[in-house]
C-alpha atoms as a PDB file:
ATOM      1  CA  UNK A   1     -13.764  19.038 -36.212  1.00  0.00           C
ATOM      2  CA  UNK A   2     -13.393  17.290 -39.540  1.00  0.00           C
ATOM      3  CA  UNK A   3      -9.601  17.651 -39.424  1.00  0.00           C
ATOM      4  CA  UNK A   4      -9.470  15.654 -36.184  1.00  0.00           C
ATOM      5  CA  UNK A   5     -10.714  12.591 -38.089  1.00  0.00           C
ATOM      6  CA  UNK A   6      -7.800  12.608 -40.526  1.00  0.00           C
ATOM      7  CA  UNK A   7      -5.288   9.829 -39.707  1.00  0.00           C
ATOM      8  CA  UNK A   8      -2.210  12.037 -40.155  1.00  0.00           C
ATOM      9  CA  UNK A   9      -3.605  14.657 -37.753  1.00  0.00           C
ATOM     10  CA  UNK A  10      -4.575  11.975 -35.212  1.00  0.00           C
ATOM     11  CA  UNK A  11      -1.074  10.502 -35.505  1.00  0.00           C
ATOM     12  CA  UNK A  12       0.543  13.914 -34.910  1.00  0.00           C
ATOM     13  CA  UNK A  13      -1.679  14.582 -31.882  1.00  0.00           C
ATOM     14  CA  UNK A  14      -0.737  11.164 -30.486  1.00  0.00           C
ATOM     15  CA  UNK A  15       2.960  11.830 -31.142  1.00  0.00           C
ATOM     16  CA  UNK A  16       2.788  15.211 -29.371  1.00  0.00           C
ATOM     17  CA  UNK A  17       0.932  13.696 -26.382  1.00  0.00           C
ATOM     18  CA  UNK A  18       3.510  10.901 -26.125  1.00  0.00           C
ATOM     19  CA  UNK A  19       6.330  13.455 -26.318  1.00  0.00           C
ATOM     20  CA  UNK A  20       4.772  15.567 -23.568  1.00  0.00           C
ATOM     21  CA  UNK A  21       4.167  12.508 -21.373  1.00  0.00           C
ATOM     22  CA  UNK A  22       7.778  11.436 -21.878  1.00  0.00           C
ATOM     23  CA  UNK A  23       9.109  14.864 -20.993  1.00  0.00           C
ATOM     24  CA  UNK A  24       7.245  15.022 -17.694  1.00  0.00           C
ATOM     25  CA  UNK A  25       7.984  11.385 -16.856  1.00  0.00           C
ATOM     26  CA  UNK A  26       4.368  10.305 -16.625  1.00  0.00           C
ATOM     27  CA  UNK A  27       3.262   6.870 -17.714  1.00  0.00           C
ATOM     28  CA  UNK A  28       0.540   4.364 -16.942  1.00  0.00           C
ATOM     29  CA  UNK A  29       3.055   2.291 -15.004  1.00  0.00           C
ATOM     30  CA  UNK A  30       4.080   5.257 -12.880  1.00  0.00           C
ATOM     31  CA  UNK A  31       0.443   6.109 -12.109  1.00  0.00           C
ATOM     32  CA  UNK A  32      -0.205   2.485 -11.143  1.00  0.00           C
ATOM     33  CA  UNK A  33       2.910   2.434  -8.968  1.00  0.00           C
ATOM     34  CA  UNK A  34       1.776   5.563  -7.092  1.00  0.00           C
ATOM     35  CA  UNK A  35      -1.722   4.178  -6.486  1.00  0.00           C
ATOM     36  CA  UNK A  36      -0.247   0.860  -5.339  1.00  0.00           C
ATOM     37  CA  UNK A  37       1.956   2.683  -2.826  1.00  0.00           C
ATOM     38  CA  UNK A  38      -1.169   4.300  -1.357  1.00  0.00           C
ATOM     39  CA  UNK A  39      -3.152   1.055  -1.337  1.00  0.00           C
ATOM     40  CA  UNK A  40      -0.433  -0.965   0.388  1.00  0.00           C
ATOM     41  CA  UNK A  41       0.841   1.747   2.755  1.00  0.00           C
ATOM     42  CA  UNK A  42       1.415   0.310   6.222  1.00  0.00           C
ATOM     43  CA  UNK A  43       1.211   2.298   9.439  1.00  0.00           C
ATOM     44  CA  UNK A  44       4.117   0.310  10.861  1.00  0.00           C
ATOM     45  CA  UNK A  45       6.327   1.917   8.200  1.00  0.00           C
ATOM     46  CA  UNK A  46       5.757   5.222  10.043  1.00  0.00           C
ATOM     47  CA  UNK A  47       5.541   4.327  13.723  1.00  0.00           C
ATOM     48  CA  UNK A  48       7.208   1.865  16.064  1.00  0.00           C
ATOM     49  CA  UNK A  49       5.127   0.082  18.653  1.00  0.00           C
ATOM     50  CA  UNK A  50       7.042  -0.429  21.875  1.00  0.00           C
ATOM     51  CA  UNK A  51       6.552  -1.542  25.444  1.00  0.00           C
ATOM     52  CA  UNK A  52       8.505  -0.752  28.602  1.00  0.00           C
ATOM     53  CA  UNK A  53       8.209  -1.388  32.306  1.00  0.00           C
ATOM     54  CA  UNK A  54       7.089   1.583  34.400  1.00  0.00           C
ATOM     55  CA  UNK A  55       6.889   1.899  38.156  1.00  0.00           C
ATOM     56  CA  UNK A  56       3.344   1.888  39.504  1.00  0.00           C
ATOM     57  CA  UNK A  57       2.778   5.174  41.312  1.00  0.00           C
ATOM     58  CA  UNK A  58       0.291   6.221  43.953  1.00  0.00           C
ATOM     59  CA  UNK A  59      -0.347   9.666  45.377  1.00  0.00           C
ATOM     60  CA  UNK A  60       2.352   8.894  47.981  1.00  0.00           C
ATOM     61  CA  UNK A  61       5.005   7.682  45.553  1.00  0.00           C
ATOM     62  CA  UNK A  62       6.001   4.270  44.133  1.00  0.00           C
ATOM     63  CA  UNK A  63       3.885   1.273  45.120  1.00  0.00           C
ATOM     64  CA  UNK A  64       6.103  -1.331  46.796  1.00  0.00           C
ATOM     65  CA  UNK A  65       5.761  -5.098  47.028  1.00  0.00           C
ATOM     66  CA  UNK A  66       6.197  -7.128  50.269  1.00  0.00           C
ATOM     67  CA  UNK A  67       9.989  -7.003  49.956  1.00  0.00           C
ATOM     68  CA  UNK A  68      10.050  -3.231  49.518  1.00  0.00           C
ATOM     69  CA  UNK A  69      10.778  -3.282  45.771  1.00  0.00           C
ATOM     70  CA  UNK A  70       8.797  -1.009  43.429  1.00  0.00           C
ATOM     71  CA  UNK A  71       5.995  -2.735  41.518  1.00  0.00           C
ATOM     72  CA  UNK A  72       6.202  -2.276  37.751  1.00  0.00           C
ATOM     73  CA  UNK A  73       3.796  -2.835  34.902  1.00  0.00           C
ATOM     74  CA  UNK A  74       4.254  -2.972  31.138  1.00  0.00           C
ATOM     75  CA  UNK A  75       3.161   0.170  29.299  1.00  0.00           C
ATOM     76  CA  UNK A  76       2.710   0.232  25.540  1.00  0.00           C
ATOM     77  CA  UNK A  77       3.483   3.313  23.501  1.00  0.00           C
ATOM     78  CA  UNK A  78       4.402   4.302  19.999  1.00  0.00           C
ATOM     79  CA  UNK A  79       6.904   6.673  18.514  1.00  0.00           C
ATOM     80  CA  UNK A  80       7.296   8.061  15.028  1.00  0.00           C
ATOM     81  CA  UNK A  81      10.162   6.958  12.843  1.00  0.00           C
ATOM     82  CA  UNK A  82      12.578   9.601  11.608  1.00  0.00           C
ATOM     83  CA  UNK A  83      11.755  11.452   8.405  1.00  0.00           C
ATOM     84  CA  UNK A  84      14.656   9.718   6.624  1.00  0.00           C
ATOM     85  CA  UNK A  85      12.955   6.342   7.171  1.00  0.00           C
ATOM     86  CA  UNK A  86       9.474   7.140   5.841  1.00  0.00           C
ATOM     87  CA  UNK A  87       7.901   7.834   2.467  1.00  0.00           C
ATOM     88  CA  UNK A  88       6.265  11.208   2.993  1.00  0.00           C
ATOM     89  CA  UNK A  89       4.501  11.050  -0.370  1.00  0.00           C
ATOM     90  CA  UNK A  90       1.891   8.744   1.182  1.00  0.00           C
ATOM     91  CA  UNK A  91       0.960  11.190   3.945  1.00  0.00           C
ATOM     92  CA  UNK A  92      -1.797  13.663   3.173  1.00  0.00           C
ATOM     93  CA  UNK A  93      -1.746  15.501   6.491  1.00  0.00           C
ATOM     94  CA  UNK A  94       0.176  15.802   9.758  1.00  0.00           C
ATOM     95  CA  UNK A  95      -1.355  17.677  12.695  1.00  0.00           C
ATOM     96  CA  UNK A  96      -0.271  18.531  16.202  1.00  0.00           C
ATOM     97  CA  UNK A  97      -3.266  18.430  18.530  1.00  0.00           C
ATOM     98  CA  UNK A  98      -4.075  18.135  22.208  1.00  0.00           C
ATOM     99  CA  UNK A  99      -3.610  14.382  22.042  1.00  0.00           C
ATOM    100  CA  UNK A 100      -0.317  14.549  20.178  1.00  0.00           C
ATOM    101  CA  UNK A 101       0.668  14.154  16.559  1.00  0.00           C
ATOM    102  CA  UNK A 102      -1.754  12.756  14.032  1.00  0.00           C
ATOM    103  CA  UNK A 103      -0.849  11.299  10.645  1.00  0.00           C
ATOM    104  CA  UNK A 104      -3.441  10.969   7.894  1.00  0.00           C
ATOM    105  CA  UNK A 105      -2.733   8.842   4.827  1.00  0.00           C
ATOM    106  CA  UNK A 106      -4.280   9.225   1.402  1.00  0.00           C
ATOM    107  CA  UNK A 107      -7.556   7.321   0.973  1.00  0.00           C
ATOM    108  CA  UNK A 108      -6.956   3.638   0.160  1.00  0.00           C
ATOM    109  CA  UNK A 109     -10.518   3.100  -1.093  1.00  0.00           C
ATOM    110  CA  UNK A 110     -10.215   5.948  -3.590  1.00  0.00           C
ATOM    111  CA  UNK A 111      -6.863   4.587  -4.769  1.00  0.00           C
ATOM    112  CA  UNK A 112      -8.408   1.113  -5.184  1.00  0.00           C
ATOM    113  CA  UNK A 113     -11.257   2.590  -7.208  1.00  0.00           C
ATOM    114  CA  UNK A 114      -8.766   4.392  -9.435  1.00  0.00           C
ATOM    115  CA  UNK A 115      -6.706   1.217  -9.870  1.00  0.00           C
ATOM    116  CA  UNK A 116      -9.698  -0.673 -11.262  1.00  0.00           C
ATOM    117  CA  UNK A 117      -9.402   1.186 -14.558  1.00  0.00           C
ATOM    118  CA  UNK A 118      -5.736   0.124 -14.816  1.00  0.00           C
ATOM    119  CA  UNK A 119      -6.195  -3.600 -14.044  1.00  0.00           C
ATOM    120  CA  UNK A 120      -5.430  -4.503 -17.665  1.00  0.00           C
ATOM    121  CA  UNK A 121      -1.930  -3.020 -17.306  1.00  0.00           C
ATOM    122  CA  UNK A 122      -0.966  -4.986 -14.178  1.00  0.00           C
ATOM    123  CA  UNK A 123       0.763  -8.332 -13.901  1.00  0.00           C
ATOM    124  CA  UNK A 124      -1.324 -11.207 -12.518  1.00  0.00           C
ATOM    125  CA  UNK A 125       0.198 -11.148  -9.028  1.00  0.00           C
ATOM    126  CA  UNK A 126      -0.511  -7.435  -8.617  1.00  0.00           C
ATOM    127  CA  UNK A 127      -4.082  -7.896  -9.891  1.00  0.00           C
ATOM    128  CA  UNK A 128      -4.639 -10.655  -7.340  1.00  0.00           C
ATOM    129  CA  UNK A 129      -3.187  -8.556  -4.496  1.00  0.00           C
ATOM    130  CA  UNK A 130      -5.432  -5.617  -5.411  1.00  0.00           C
ATOM    131  CA  UNK A 131      -8.521  -7.836  -5.706  1.00  0.00           C
ATOM    132  CA  UNK A 132      -7.766  -9.514  -2.361  1.00  0.00           C
ATOM    133  CA  UNK A 133      -7.390  -6.131  -0.669  1.00  0.00           C
ATOM    134  CA  UNK A 134     -10.651  -4.912  -2.204  1.00  0.00           C
ATOM    135  CA  UNK A 135     -12.465  -7.917  -0.751  1.00  0.00           C
ATOM    136  CA  UNK A 136     -10.837  -7.492   2.662  1.00  0.00           C
ATOM    137  CA  UNK A 137     -11.847  -3.849   2.771  1.00  0.00           C
ATOM    138  CA  UNK A 138     -15.418  -4.740   1.852  1.00  0.00           C
ATOM    139  CA  UNK A 139     -15.480  -7.155   4.793  1.00  0.00           C
ATOM    140  CA  UNK A 140     -15.368 -10.338   2.763  1.00  0.00           C
ATOM    141  CA  UNK A 141     -12.585 -12.846   2.487  1.00  0.00           C
ATOM    142  CA  UNK A 142     -12.155 -14.900  -0.681  1.00  0.00           C
ATOM    143  CA  UNK A 143     -11.999 -18.676  -0.189  1.00  0.00           C
ATOM    144  CA  UNK A 144      -8.202 -19.071  -0.176  1.00  0.00           C
ATOM    145  CA  UNK A 145      -7.127 -15.526   0.630  1.00  0.00           C
ATOM    146  CA  UNK A 146      -5.002 -16.339   3.687  1.00  0.00           C
ATOM    147  CA  UNK A 147      -1.870 -16.086   1.580  1.00  0.00           C
ATOM    148  CA  UNK A 148      -1.067 -14.661  -1.782  1.00  0.00           C
ATOM    149  CA  UNK A 149      -0.653 -17.327  -4.431  1.00  0.00           C
ATOM    150  CA  UNK A 150       2.774 -18.889  -4.505  1.00  0.00           C
ATOM    151  CA  UNK A 151       5.155 -18.264  -7.366  1.00  0.00           C
ATOM    152  CA  UNK A 152       4.186 -21.593  -8.990  1.00  0.00           C
ATOM    153  CA  UNK A 153       0.575 -20.499  -9.241  1.00  0.00           C
ATOM    154  CA  UNK A 154       1.578 -17.139 -10.702  1.00  0.00           C
ATOM    155  CA  UNK A 155       3.835 -18.869 -13.228  1.00  0.00           C
ATOM    156  CA  UNK A 156       0.988 -21.204 -14.168  1.00  0.00           C
ATOM    157  CA  UNK A 157      -1.274 -18.210 -14.760  1.00  0.00           C
ATOM    158  CA  UNK A 158       1.368 -16.555 -16.920  1.00  0.00           C
ATOM    159  CA  UNK A 159       1.923 -19.777 -18.876  1.00  0.00           C
ATOM    160  CA  UNK A 160      -1.799 -20.215 -19.327  1.00  0.00           C
ATOM    161  CA  UNK A 161      -2.033 -16.637 -20.618  1.00  0.00           C
ATOM    162  CA  UNK A 162       0.598 -17.577 -23.227  1.00  0.00           C
ATOM    163  CA  UNK A 163      -1.440 -20.701 -24.035  1.00  0.00           C
ATOM    164  CA  UNK A 164       0.999 -23.178 -22.427  1.00  0.00           C
ATOM    165  CA  UNK A 165       0.527 -24.984 -19.113  1.00  0.00           C
ATOM    166  CA  UNK A 166       3.695 -25.853 -17.195  1.00  0.00           C
ATOM    167  CA  UNK A 167       3.042 -29.593 -17.214  1.00  0.00           C
ATOM    168  CA  UNK A 168       2.347 -29.483 -20.992  1.00  0.00           C
ATOM    169  CA  UNK A 169       5.701 -27.837 -21.674  1.00  0.00           C
ATOM    170  CA  UNK A 170       7.517 -30.472 -19.594  1.00  0.00           C
ATOM    171  CA  UNK A 171       5.828 -33.420 -21.313  1.00  0.00           C
END
């Protein structure tokens, strides 16, 4: 236990950990990127919502209007996109049941919870997007959350973090 306190041993342990992490391609940024993919996964990336006209049917056949033409009505349906178009890494389960196929995504709330410990590694825009989504999921909406901040606001935050406001640098 005493050896673990020695700086040269700590440095070697750190070097070996960094080497191992590099060899397997794992980094904080990669972990964050994977959690962000889960958090911002969109069902419309997997299914297409469509509508088409169908003939209204009765037990005797098509229902006709006064001129003898079949009456139609719009019917909504969805279909899955092809496997080449979707990111399967975000899907935790696919089942075929009585009611058709079912897709289950990884848990967004769990991914958001995990992301909280990495907030210090994210850029300001990503932090704001994650915080906005957390509030939306909790059923609250922040005062100006209708849109993400524009690029000017993000730049101002970055400048402020460097200790320089945009209008100060222009003056």
